[in-house]
Amino acid sequence: MNTPSSQFNLAEWGLPSETEIASLAASYFPELGGPGTAFQDAHILDIPFQANQTEVFCRPAGFDSSQTFSPRVFPANSPQQPLVSAYGSSPSRAYMVGHRALDSIRSDFPILSEKVNNKNLVWLDNAATTQRPRQVIERIRYYYEHENSNVHRGAHELAERSTNAYEEARAKTAQFIGAPSADNIVYVRGTTEGINLVAYAYVKPLLKPGDEIILTMLEHHANIVPWQLIAEETGAVLRVAPIDQTGRIILSEYEKLFSRRTRFVAAAHVSNALGTVAPVAELVQIAHAQGVRILIDGAQSVSHIPVNVSALSADFFVFSGHKIFGPTGIGALYGKSDALEAARPWQGGGNMIADVTFERTRYQKPPEKFEAGTGNIADAVGLGAALDYVSEIGIANIAAWEHELLQYGMRELEKIPGLRLVGTAPEKTSVLSFVLEGCSLEEAGKHLSRQGIAVRAGHHCAQPVHRFFGLEGTIRPSLAFYNTPEEIDKLAAALLELTRK
């Protein structure tokens, strides 16, 4: 997995240049090559406050993503130290995510100070839902205290304030995912509703008996069931791209699925069950070469890795606000302009109409065409605040920090006797799914909860991919940028305790 490069000026922090860091790293990693080894970048992941040490993550040119090189601390004239030691003995130090200290970031999230069973909460259920920073909570409160009104066409001040806040959030959403215009963004309740909208408004009218829709083995039920429903109604057929034993899509087999009857493709960007990052650029390219449009389910990607729908050339892209530190009940559907124009209205009602008589109705242009009735205005504004928050930290910085947490977590969990990681693709993010020999999912989940550790235990609405691995479910810790190595230590220690019972 590529780790994004640093986004701040090293000299401003009194740190060595990237050239100096690369030279230093080469001396500590002789296996990477001697003097003159070309490094892609020497990425600063952590800014301690001591002037005599820094931490770097270096990758040699041609870096194989299956290799792992941990970040190191290089104190002056002392041996290198690992990021953290196993099971809670990490040194006291300041972690940075971009320009923000991790402790400062964590203080933005009130719920992270919660006690569960008299233990400090360790929130490792981020793939199910993320927590909200106070900036989002306060923005929603401000909306209700100062802006609350229905949007559009109101002839008073609060209607103008509310409309401005609502449409500014739409513009922020477009900018965050690289959409060409706010008009490409349709508000929905979440990823599930966005997929259903595309299935019924755009794809279903295209289908005839025997036509085909391609999915992948990695899909969440929300990207399976809507397609099954319209297939049943139209006589269409679903075809499924397989994965290998690491959880990676087999691209050659995906490409073979296309035929003259293929009408659409829908694929997850990141698997919610395994954390596999799908090769979406290739999936899109192959589909377009066959003249087929494609939807990307971004529910598990937008909060973890950079997304640019224009560069990707996805026809549709969907995500949920609550997966990216925003409110529940709000999400966004991106669609290319011509695809949204071609799609039928999703629901009928106010707001989405240009003119109505009892004989006929003319509809607004997208996105209003798909937004019947009063929208979830306050939570759309909250989503905008969440995207502001993530943008301020930097999604590339978030991706880099989470990558280090993920690699560390995988190494520590692999030390647990009888633990089997499920989903080990080299291109992976955020998810640490596993099963534990001799221990049921329910038993493990309850044991961890007693320690204040929140994980998901079950099939995670992804039964087909679990059954591919011969399982009915897994225990799924999942990461966000506010998680710490010490929390992974607590998880590992609790699991080790469980194996000794």
Protein backbone atom coordinates (compact mmCIF):
# COMPACT_ATOMS: atom_id res chain seq x y z
CA MET A 1 0.00 0.00 0.00
CA ASN A 2 1.42 3.38 -0.85
CA THR A 3 1.94 5.67 2.08
CA PRO A 4 1.28 9.32 1.23
CA SER A 5 4.20 11.69 1.41
CA SER A 6 4.63 14.37 4.03
CA GLN A 7 2.58 17.54 3.64
CA PHE A 8 4.54 19.97 5.79
CA ASN A 9 7.90 21.72 5.66
CA LEU A 10 10.46 19.75 7.64
CA ALA A 11 12.71 22.74 8.23
CA GLU A 12 9.93 24.61 10.00
CA TRP A 13 10.03 21.91 12.68
CA GLY A 14 13.83 21.97 13.00
CA LEU A 15 14.03 18.50 11.48
CA PRO A 16 16.53 17.06 9.02
CA SER A 17 15.83 17.33 5.32
CA GLU A 18 14.30 14.34 3.50
CA THR A 19 17.71 13.68 1.91
CA GLU A 20 19.35 13.60 5.35
CA ILE A 21 16.59 11.36 6.71
CA ALA A 22 16.94 8.98 3.77
CA SER A 23 20.67 8.76 4.39
CA LEU A 24 20.06 8.11 8.08
CA ALA A 25 17.46 5.47 7.28
CA ALA A 26 19.81 3.71 4.87
CA SER A 27 22.33 3.37 7.68
CA TYR A 28 19.71 1.71 9.89
CA PHE A 29 18.26 -0.42 7.10
CA PRO A 30 21.32 -1.79 5.24
CA GLU A 31 19.10 -4.45 3.69
CA LEU A 32 17.53 -1.70 1.58
CA GLY A 33 20.79 -0.91 -0.14
CA GLY A 34 23.98 0.98 0.48
CA PRO A 35 24.90 4.57 -0.28
CA GLY A 36 22.99 5.96 -3.23
CA THR A 37 19.83 3.91 -2.61
CA ALA A 38 16.89 5.83 -4.10
CA PHE A 39 14.08 6.40 -1.64
CA GLN A 40 10.56 7.31 -2.70
CA ASP A 41 10.25 9.51 0.34
CA ALA A 42 11.28 9.72 3.96
CA HIS A 43 7.88 10.30 5.44
CA ILE A 44 7.63 12.06 8.79
CA LEU A 45 4.90 10.37 10.77
CA ASP A 46 5.63 11.69 14.24
CA ILE A 47 7.05 14.93 15.59
CA PRO A 48 8.39 14.44 19.11
CA PHE A 49 9.10 17.61 21.00
CA GLN A 50 12.75 16.75 21.65
CA ALA A 51 14.98 18.43 19.10
CA ASN A 52 17.45 15.53 19.07
CA GLN A 53 15.14 12.84 17.70
CA THR A 54 12.76 12.25 14.87
CA GLU A 55 10.76 9.36 13.51
CA VAL A 56 10.73 8.29 9.92
CA PHE A 57 9.03 5.77 7.71
CA CYS A 58 11.18 5.05 4.66
CA ARG A 59 10.34 3.02 1.62
CA PRO A 60 12.94 2.14 -0.99
CA ALA A 61 12.19 2.79 -4.65
CA GLY A 62 10.25 -0.15 -6.03
CA PHE A 63 8.88 -0.86 -2.56
CA ASP A 64 6.85 -4.06 -2.44
CA SER A 65 3.67 -3.38 -0.47
CA SER A 66 3.88 -6.84 1.08
CA GLN A 67 7.05 -5.71 2.91
CA THR A 68 6.78 -3.93 6.22
CA PHE A 69 9.27 -1.44 7.62
CA SER A 70 8.20 -0.04 10.96
CA PRO A 71 8.73 3.57 11.85
CA ARG A 72 11.68 4.06 14.18
CA VAL A 73 12.70 6.60 16.79
CA PHE A 74 16.30 7.68 16.37
CA PRO A 75 17.44 9.32 19.64
CA ALA A 76 20.90 10.85 19.44
CA ASN A 77 23.65 8.29 20.18
CA SER A 78 21.31 5.54 21.35
CA PRO A 79 19.97 2.35 19.81
CA GLN A 80 16.87 2.43 17.62
CA GLN A 81 13.57 1.71 19.34
CA PRO A 82 10.39 0.17 17.93
CA LEU A 83 7.19 2.18 17.62
CA VAL A 84 5.81 0.45 20.68
CA SER A 85 6.60 -2.62 22.71
CA ALA A 86 4.06 -5.38 23.03
CA TYR A 87 1.18 -5.34 25.50
CA GLY A 88 1.28 -1.92 27.03
CA SER A 89 4.92 -1.06 27.60
CA SER A 90 5.23 1.64 24.95
CA PRO A 91 7.44 4.63 25.79
CA SER A 92 5.79 7.90 26.71
CA ARG A 93 5.97 10.16 23.67
CA ALA A 94 3.95 12.45 21.42
CA TYR A 95 2.37 11.01 18.29
CA MET A 96 1.45 13.34 15.44
CA VAL A 97 -1.12 12.96 12.67
CA GLY A 98 -0.12 15.61 10.18
CA HIS A 99 0.33 18.82 12.18
CA ARG A 100 -1.93 17.72 15.06
CA ALA A 101 -0.78 15.91 18.19
CA LEU A 102 -2.77 12.71 18.62
CA ASP A 103 -3.68 13.61 22.21
CA SER A 104 -5.11 16.88 20.93
CA ILE A 105 -7.14 15.05 18.28
CA ARG A 106 -8.50 12.62 20.85
CA SER A 107 -9.59 15.51 23.06
CA ASP A 108 -11.89 16.62 20.21
CA PHE A 109 -13.96 13.44 20.65
CA PRO A 110 -15.92 13.60 23.94
CA ILE A 111 -16.96 9.95 23.87
CA LEU A 112 -13.35 8.76 23.93
CA SER A 113 -13.28 9.82 27.60
CA GLU A 114 -16.19 7.50 28.38
CA LYS A 115 -15.84 4.66 30.89
CA VAL A 116 -17.18 1.20 30.01
CA ASN A 117 -17.27 -1.39 32.79
CA ASN A 118 -15.05 0.96 34.79
CA LYS A 119 -12.43 0.86 32.05
CA ASN A 120 -11.37 3.55 29.63
CA LEU A 121 -13.27 3.10 26.38
CA VAL A 122 -11.19 1.66 23.53
CA TRP A 123 -13.28 2.29 20.41
CA LEU A 124 -12.27 -0.27 17.77
CA ASP A 125 -15.64 -0.51 16.03
CA ASN A 126 -15.01 2.22 13.49
CA ALA A 127 -16.05 0.17 10.46
CA ALA A 128 -19.55 0.04 11.96
CA THR A 129 -19.60 3.74 12.87
CA THR A 130 -17.08 6.38 13.75
CA GLN A 131 -17.29 8.80 16.66
CA ARG A 132 -17.98 12.51 16.22
CA PRO A 133 -15.70 15.38 17.15
CA ARG A 134 -17.17 18.24 19.16
CA GLN A 135 -16.77 20.45 16.07
CA VAL A 136 -19.50 18.40 14.36
CA ILE A 137 -21.69 18.23 17.44
CA GLU A 138 -21.43 21.98 17.98
CA ARG A 139 -22.11 22.75 14.31
CA ILE A 140 -25.38 20.81 14.44
CA ARG A 141 -26.34 22.56 17.66
CA TYR A 142 -25.56 25.94 16.09
CA TYR A 143 -27.75 25.05 13.12
CA TYR A 144 -30.76 24.33 15.34
CA GLU A 145 -30.14 27.42 17.48
CA HIS A 146 -29.53 29.94 14.67
CA GLU A 147 -30.40 28.60 11.19
CA ASN A 148 -33.23 26.10 11.46
CA SER A 149 -35.66 26.42 8.56
CA ASN A 150 -36.73 24.51 5.50
CA VAL A 151 -34.47 25.18 2.55
CA HIS A 152 -35.04 26.71 -0.88
CA ARG A 153 -37.62 29.29 -1.89
CA GLY A 154 -38.22 30.65 1.62
CA ALA A 155 -38.77 34.41 1.65
CA HIS A 156 -37.17 35.05 5.02
CA GLU A 157 -33.75 35.28 6.64
CA LEU A 158 -33.65 31.87 8.32
CA ALA A 159 -34.57 30.13 5.07
CA GLU A 160 -31.62 31.84 3.42
CA ARG A 161 -29.27 30.85 6.26
CA SER A 162 -30.46 27.25 6.18
CA THR A 163 -30.23 27.01 2.39
CA ASN A 164 -26.73 28.48 2.40
CA ALA A 165 -25.55 26.04 5.06
CA TYR A 166 -27.14 23.09 3.24
CA GLU A 167 -25.69 23.95 -0.15
CA GLU A 168 -22.29 24.86 1.29
CA ALA A 169 -22.15 21.35 2.76
CA ARG A 170 -22.96 19.92 -0.68
CA ALA A 171 -20.11 21.93 -2.19
CA LYS A 172 -17.74 20.71 0.53
CA THR A 173 -18.75 17.12 -0.25
CA ALA A 174 -18.04 17.63 -3.94
CA GLN A 175 -14.65 19.14 -3.19
CA PHE A 176 -13.72 16.41 -0.69
CA ILE A 177 -14.19 13.59 -3.21
CA GLY A 178 -13.00 15.52 -6.26
CA ALA A 179 -16.36 15.89 -8.00
CA PRO A 180 -16.47 18.54 -10.74
CA SER A 181 -19.55 20.27 -9.32
CA ALA A 182 -21.88 20.33 -6.34
CA ASP A 183 -24.61 19.44 -8.86
CA ASN A 184 -23.07 15.95 -9.02
CA ILE A 185 -23.84 15.35 -5.32
CA VAL A 186 -27.20 13.92 -4.25
CA TYR A 187 -28.00 13.77 -0.55
CA VAL A 188 -29.18 10.35 0.63
CA ARG A 189 -29.60 8.70 4.04
CA GLY A 190 -26.42 6.74 3.53
CA THR A 191 -24.60 4.28 1.29
CA THR A 192 -27.47 1.79 1.31
CA GLU A 193 -30.01 4.32 0.04
CA GLY A 194 -27.52 5.62 -2.53
CA ILE A 195 -27.03 2.14 -3.98
CA ASN A 196 -30.77 1.53 -4.06
CA LEU A 197 -31.27 4.86 -5.83
CA VAL A 198 -28.83 3.90 -8.58
CA ALA A 199 -30.27 0.39 -8.84
CA TYR A 200 -33.88 1.51 -9.28
CA ALA A 201 -33.51 4.91 -10.94
CA TYR A 202 -30.71 4.17 -13.37
CA VAL A 203 -29.96 0.45 -13.79
CA LYS A 204 -33.37 -1.23 -13.62
CA PRO A 205 -34.76 0.59 -16.69
CA LEU A 206 -31.81 -0.74 -18.71
CA LEU A 207 -32.40 -4.39 -17.89
CA LYS A 208 -33.98 -7.16 -19.93
CA PRO A 209 -34.15 -10.88 -19.13
CA GLY A 210 -30.69 -12.42 -19.33
CA ASP A 211 -28.82 -9.16 -18.87
CA GLU A 212 -25.96 -9.27 -16.37
CA ILE A 213 -24.71 -7.24 -13.42
CA ILE A 214 -21.19 -7.85 -12.09
CA LEU A 215 -20.40 -7.70 -8.36
CA THR A 216 -17.39 -8.91 -6.37
CA MET A 217 -17.03 -11.40 -3.54
CA LEU A 218 -16.07 -8.53 -1.21
CA GLU A 219 -19.48 -6.87 -1.14
CA HIS A 220 -21.51 -5.76 1.86
CA HIS A 221 -25.12 -6.95 1.77
CA ALA A 222 -26.11 -3.38 0.85
CA ASN A 223 -24.28 -3.88 -2.45
CA ILE A 224 -25.79 -7.31 -3.07
CA VAL A 225 -29.46 -7.25 -2.07
CA PRO A 226 -30.59 -4.25 -4.19
CA TRP A 227 -29.12 -5.90 -7.27
CA GLN A 228 -30.79 -9.21 -6.41
CA LEU A 229 -34.13 -7.43 -6.09
CA ILE A 230 -33.96 -5.74 -9.47
CA ALA A 231 -32.61 -8.95 -11.02
CA GLU A 232 -35.67 -10.81 -9.73
CA GLU A 233 -37.95 -8.12 -11.12
CA THR A 234 -36.33 -7.99 -14.57
CA GLY A 235 -34.91 -11.47 -15.17
CA ALA A 236 -31.33 -10.20 -15.02
CA VAL A 237 -28.45 -12.31 -13.68
CA LEU A 238 -25.74 -11.51 -11.13
CA ARG A 239 -22.15 -12.56 -11.77
CA VAL A 240 -19.48 -12.41 -9.07
CA ALA A 241 -15.77 -11.68 -9.40
CA PRO A 242 -13.77 -14.09 -7.19
CA ILE A 243 -11.02 -13.34 -4.66
CA ASP A 244 -7.90 -15.23 -3.65
CA GLN A 245 -7.02 -16.56 -0.19
CA THR A 246 -5.67 -13.19 0.93
CA GLY A 247 -8.94 -11.47 0.03
CA ARG A 248 -7.69 -9.79 -3.14
CA ILE A 249 -9.92 -9.59 -6.25
CA ILE A 250 -8.58 -11.73 -9.09
CA LEU A 251 -8.59 -9.15 -11.86
CA SER A 252 -8.14 -11.64 -14.70
CA GLU A 253 -11.29 -13.47 -13.59
CA TYR A 254 -13.20 -10.20 -13.20
CA GLU A 255 -12.33 -9.27 -16.77
CA LYS A 256 -13.58 -12.65 -18.03
CA LEU A 257 -17.04 -11.99 -16.58
CA PHE A 258 -17.86 -9.31 -19.14
CA SER A 259 -20.05 -10.29 -22.05
CA ARG A 260 -22.33 -8.57 -24.53
CA ARG A 261 -25.09 -8.88 -21.90
CA THR A 262 -23.19 -7.02 -19.14
CA ARG A 263 -25.10 -3.87 -18.21
CA PHE A 264 -23.55 -2.64 -14.94
CA VAL A 265 -20.85 -3.21 -12.31
CA ALA A 266 -20.98 -2.44 -8.57
CA ALA A 267 -17.92 -2.90 -6.36
CA ALA A 268 -16.71 -2.01 -2.88
CA HIS A 269 -13.68 0.26 -2.68
CA VAL A 270 -12.67 -1.25 0.67
CA SER A 271 -14.10 -4.45 2.14
CA ASN A 272 -15.85 -3.85 5.44
CA ALA A 273 -15.11 -7.44 6.49
CA LEU A 274 -11.46 -7.77 5.43
CA GLY A 275 -10.13 -4.26 4.88
CA THR A 276 -8.99 -5.19 1.36
CA VAL A 277 -8.51 -2.15 -0.84
CA ALA A 278 -9.92 -3.14 -4.22
CA PRO A 279 -8.04 -2.10 -7.38
CA VAL A 280 -10.86 0.27 -8.29
CA ALA A 281 -8.91 2.13 -10.98
CA GLU A 282 -8.48 -1.14 -12.85
CA LEU A 283 -12.09 -2.19 -12.20
CA VAL A 284 -13.31 1.09 -13.68
CA GLN A 285 -10.93 0.94 -16.62
CA ILE A 286 -11.95 -2.61 -17.54
CA ALA A 287 -15.66 -1.82 -17.24
CA HIS A 288 -15.37 1.31 -19.37
CA ALA A 289 -13.38 -0.58 -22.02
CA GLN A 290 -16.47 -2.78 -22.34
CA GLY A 291 -18.81 0.22 -22.49
CA VAL A 292 -20.25 -0.54 -19.04
CA ARG A 293 -20.87 1.92 -16.21
CA ILE A 294 -19.72 1.19 -12.64
CA LEU A 295 -20.68 2.18 -9.09
CA ILE A 296 -18.06 2.27 -6.32
CA ASP A 297 -19.21 1.73 -2.73
CA GLY A 298 -16.97 4.10 -0.78
CA ALA A 299 -18.46 3.58 2.68
CA GLN A 300 -15.23 2.11 4.03
CA SER A 301 -12.75 4.15 2.00
CA VAL A 302 -13.51 7.88 2.30
CA SER A 303 -12.39 8.15 5.93
CA HIS A 304 -9.18 6.16 5.41
CA ILE A 305 -7.63 6.89 2.02
CA PRO A 306 -7.73 9.74 -0.51
CA VAL A 307 -10.55 9.58 -3.04
CA ASN A 308 -10.90 11.52 -6.28
CA VAL A 309 -13.90 10.44 -8.31
CA SER A 310 -12.91 12.56 -11.30
CA ALA A 311 -9.46 11.01 -11.53
CA LEU A 312 -10.97 7.58 -10.95
CA SER A 313 -13.68 8.24 -13.57
CA ALA A 314 -16.25 6.35 -11.51
CA ASP A 315 -19.78 6.73 -12.86
CA PHE A 316 -21.28 6.60 -9.36
CA PHE A 317 -19.71 6.76 -5.90
CA VAL A 318 -21.56 6.50 -2.58
CA PHE A 319 -20.66 6.94 1.09
CA SER A 320 -22.23 7.47 4.51
CA GLY A 321 -21.68 10.41 6.84
CA HIS A 322 -21.45 8.32 10.00
CA LYS A 323 -18.46 6.42 8.59
CA ILE A 324 -16.48 9.66 8.32
CA PHE A 325 -17.06 11.25 11.75
CA GLY A 326 -20.37 12.83 10.71
CA PRO A 327 -24.00 12.25 11.72
CA THR A 328 -26.09 9.19 11.03
CA GLY A 329 -28.92 9.43 8.53
CA ILE A 330 -26.97 11.39 5.92
CA GLY A 331 -24.78 10.36 3.03
CA ALA A 332 -23.89 11.32 -0.49
CA LEU A 333 -24.25 9.86 -3.95
CA TYR A 334 -21.92 11.16 -6.63
CA GLY A 335 -22.99 10.61 -10.21
CA LYS A 336 -21.58 11.76 -13.51
CA SER A 337 -23.80 14.47 -14.98
CA ASP A 338 -25.00 12.46 -17.97
CA ALA A 339 -25.80 9.44 -15.78
CA LEU A 340 -27.85 11.55 -13.37
CA GLU A 341 -29.66 13.18 -16.28
CA ALA A 342 -30.51 9.74 -17.69
CA ALA A 343 -31.75 8.32 -14.40
CA ARG A 344 -35.44 8.39 -13.52
CA PRO A 345 -36.68 10.20 -10.41
CA TRP A 346 -36.11 8.15 -7.28
CA GLN A 347 -39.14 9.30 -5.30
CA GLY A 348 -41.93 11.79 -5.94
CA GLY A 349 -42.89 14.81 -3.87
CA GLY A 350 -42.03 18.39 -3.12
CA ASN A 351 -38.65 20.00 -3.84
CA MET A 352 -37.86 17.76 -6.82
CA ILE A 353 -40.48 19.25 -9.16
CA ALA A 354 -40.36 22.14 -11.62
CA ASP A 355 -44.07 22.11 -12.48
CA VAL A 356 -47.05 19.90 -11.58
CA THR A 357 -50.50 19.53 -13.10
CA PHE A 358 -52.85 16.59 -12.73
CA GLU A 359 -51.90 15.58 -16.25
CA ARG A 360 -48.10 15.69 -16.00
CA THR A 361 -45.07 16.68 -13.96
CA ARG A 362 -41.77 18.25 -14.97
CA TYR A 363 -38.81 17.58 -12.69
CA GLN A 364 -35.94 19.70 -11.48
CA LYS A 365 -32.47 18.98 -12.81
CA PRO A 366 -30.11 16.89 -10.68
CA PRO A 367 -29.43 16.86 -7.80
CA GLU A 368 -32.87 18.19 -6.74
CA LYS A 369 -34.49 15.67 -9.11
CA PHE A 370 -33.60 12.92 -6.60
CA GLU A 371 -34.33 14.80 -3.36
CA ALA A 372 -38.09 14.63 -2.82
CA GLY A 373 -39.47 16.21 0.32
CA THR A 374 -37.63 17.92 3.15
CA GLY A 375 -34.08 16.70 3.35
CA ASN A 376 -32.00 15.91 6.42
CA ILE A 377 -30.79 19.48 6.55
CA ALA A 378 -29.11 19.60 9.96
CA ASP A 379 -27.19 16.39 9.40
CA ALA A 380 -26.10 17.50 5.92
CA VAL A 381 -24.62 20.57 7.62
CA GLY A 382 -23.01 18.24 10.16
CA LEU A 383 -21.52 16.19 7.34
CA GLY A 384 -19.98 19.35 5.94
CA ALA A 385 -18.41 20.05 9.33
CA ALA A 386 -17.03 16.49 9.49
CA LEU A 387 -15.43 16.87 6.07
CA ASP A 388 -13.93 20.20 7.16
CA TYR A 389 -12.47 18.44 10.20
CA VAL A 390 -10.94 15.60 8.18
CA SER A 391 -9.64 18.02 5.55
CA GLU A 392 -7.97 20.15 8.19
CA ILE A 393 -5.99 17.15 9.46
CA GLY A 394 -5.42 15.86 5.93
CA ILE A 395 -6.69 12.56 4.57
CA ALA A 396 -3.16 11.67 3.40
CA ASN A 397 -1.86 12.18 6.94
CA ILE A 398 -4.72 10.06 8.27
CA ALA A 399 -3.94 7.31 5.77
CA ALA A 400 -0.28 7.28 6.78
CA TRP A 401 -0.97 7.06 10.52
CA GLU A 402 -3.64 4.38 10.11
CA HIS A 403 -1.33 2.36 7.91
CA GLU A 404 1.23 2.27 10.71
CA LEU A 405 -1.44 1.31 13.25
CA LEU A 406 -2.69 -1.44 10.96
CA GLN A 407 0.75 -2.90 10.38
CA TYR A 408 1.52 -2.78 14.07
CA GLY A 409 -1.83 -4.35 14.93
CA MET A 410 -1.34 -7.22 12.50
CA ARG A 411 2.10 -7.96 13.90
CA GLU A 412 0.85 -7.95 17.48
CA LEU A 413 -2.25 -10.07 16.79
CA GLU A 414 -0.19 -12.65 14.94
CA LYS A 415 1.65 -13.28 18.22
CA ILE A 416 -1.55 -14.48 19.93
CA PRO A 417 -1.66 -18.31 20.10
CA GLY A 418 -4.52 -19.74 18.05
CA LEU A 419 -5.40 -16.43 16.40
CA ARG A 420 -5.93 -16.43 12.63
CA LEU A 421 -6.13 -13.16 10.74
CA VAL A 422 -8.77 -13.16 8.01
CA GLY A 423 -8.00 -10.84 5.12
CA THR A 424 -4.28 -10.40 4.52
CA ALA A 425 -4.15 -8.72 1.12
CA PRO A 426 -1.13 -6.44 0.72
CA GLU A 427 -3.47 -3.58 -0.22
CA LYS A 428 -5.39 -3.27 3.01
CA THR A 429 -6.63 -0.64 5.43
CA SER A 430 -8.33 -0.18 8.80
CA VAL A 431 -9.67 -3.71 9.52
CA LEU A 432 -8.10 -6.43 11.70
CA SER A 433 -10.59 -9.29 11.38
CA PHE A 434 -9.70 -12.60 13.03
CA VAL A 435 -10.96 -15.81 14.58
CA LEU A 436 -9.58 -17.33 17.78
CA GLU A 437 -9.23 -21.07 18.11
CA GLY A 438 -11.48 -22.59 20.79
CA CYS A 439 -13.29 -19.31 21.39
CA SER A 440 -16.69 -18.31 20.01
CA LEU A 441 -17.26 -14.90 18.52
CA GLU A 442 -19.74 -14.07 21.26
CA GLU A 443 -17.36 -15.12 24.03
CA ALA A 444 -14.52 -13.04 22.59
CA GLY A 445 -16.72 -9.98 22.05
CA LYS A 446 -18.05 -10.09 25.63
CA HIS A 447 -14.59 -10.61 27.10
CA LEU A 448 -13.25 -7.60 25.24
CA SER A 449 -16.26 -5.49 26.24
CA ARG A 450 -15.57 -6.26 29.89
CA GLN A 451 -12.16 -4.67 29.31
CA GLY A 452 -13.80 -1.58 27.78
CA ILE A 453 -12.79 -2.62 24.25
CA ALA A 454 -15.51 -2.23 21.59
CA VAL A 455 -15.23 -4.50 18.56
CA ARG A 456 -17.75 -6.07 16.21
CA ALA A 457 -18.32 -9.85 16.36
CA GLY A 458 -20.43 -11.50 13.64
CA HIS A 459 -20.75 -11.61 9.87
CA HIS A 460 -20.68 -7.80 9.46
CA CYS A 461 -23.38 -7.93 6.76
CA ALA A 462 -20.91 -9.72 4.49
CA GLN A 463 -21.85 -13.41 4.68
CA PRO A 464 -20.65 -14.48 1.21
CA VAL A 465 -17.06 -13.39 1.80
CA HIS A 466 -16.97 -15.05 5.23
CA ARG A 467 -18.26 -18.31 3.76
CA PHE A 468 -15.55 -18.13 1.11
CA PHE A 469 -13.12 -18.53 4.03
CA GLY A 470 -15.21 -21.30 5.60
CA LEU A 471 -16.50 -19.04 8.36
CA GLU A 472 -19.81 -17.66 9.56
CA GLY A 473 -18.20 -14.57 11.05
CA THR A 474 -15.15 -12.97 12.60
CA ILE A 475 -14.12 -10.68 15.44
CA ARG A 476 -13.47 -7.33 13.79
CA PRO A 477 -11.43 -4.59 15.44
CA SER A 478 -11.38 -1.63 13.05
CA LEU A 479 -9.26 1.49 13.24
CA ALA A 480 -9.60 5.25 12.90
CA PHE A 481 -6.98 7.98 13.11
CA TYR A 482 -7.79 8.70 16.78
CA ASN A 483 -6.72 5.20 17.80
CA THR A 484 -3.34 4.63 19.43
CA PRO A 485 -0.70 1.90 19.59
CA GLU A 486 -1.47 1.63 23.32
CA GLU A 487 -5.07 0.69 22.49
CA ILE A 488 -3.78 -2.08 20.24
CA ASP A 489 -1.62 -3.21 23.14
CA LYS A 490 -4.71 -3.39 25.35
CA LEU A 491 -6.52 -5.43 22.70
CA ALA A 492 -3.61 -7.86 22.39
CA ALA A 493 -3.24 -8.20 26.15
CA ALA A 494 -6.97 -8.91 26.58
CA LEU A 495 -6.88 -11.55 23.86
CA LEU A 496 -3.79 -13.16 25.36
CA GLU A 497 -5.61 -13.32 28.70
CA LEU A 498 -8.56 -14.98 26.97
CA THR A 499 -6.35 -17.71 25.46
CA ARG A 500 -5.03 -18.58 28.93
CA LYS A 501 -8.45 -19.20 30.47
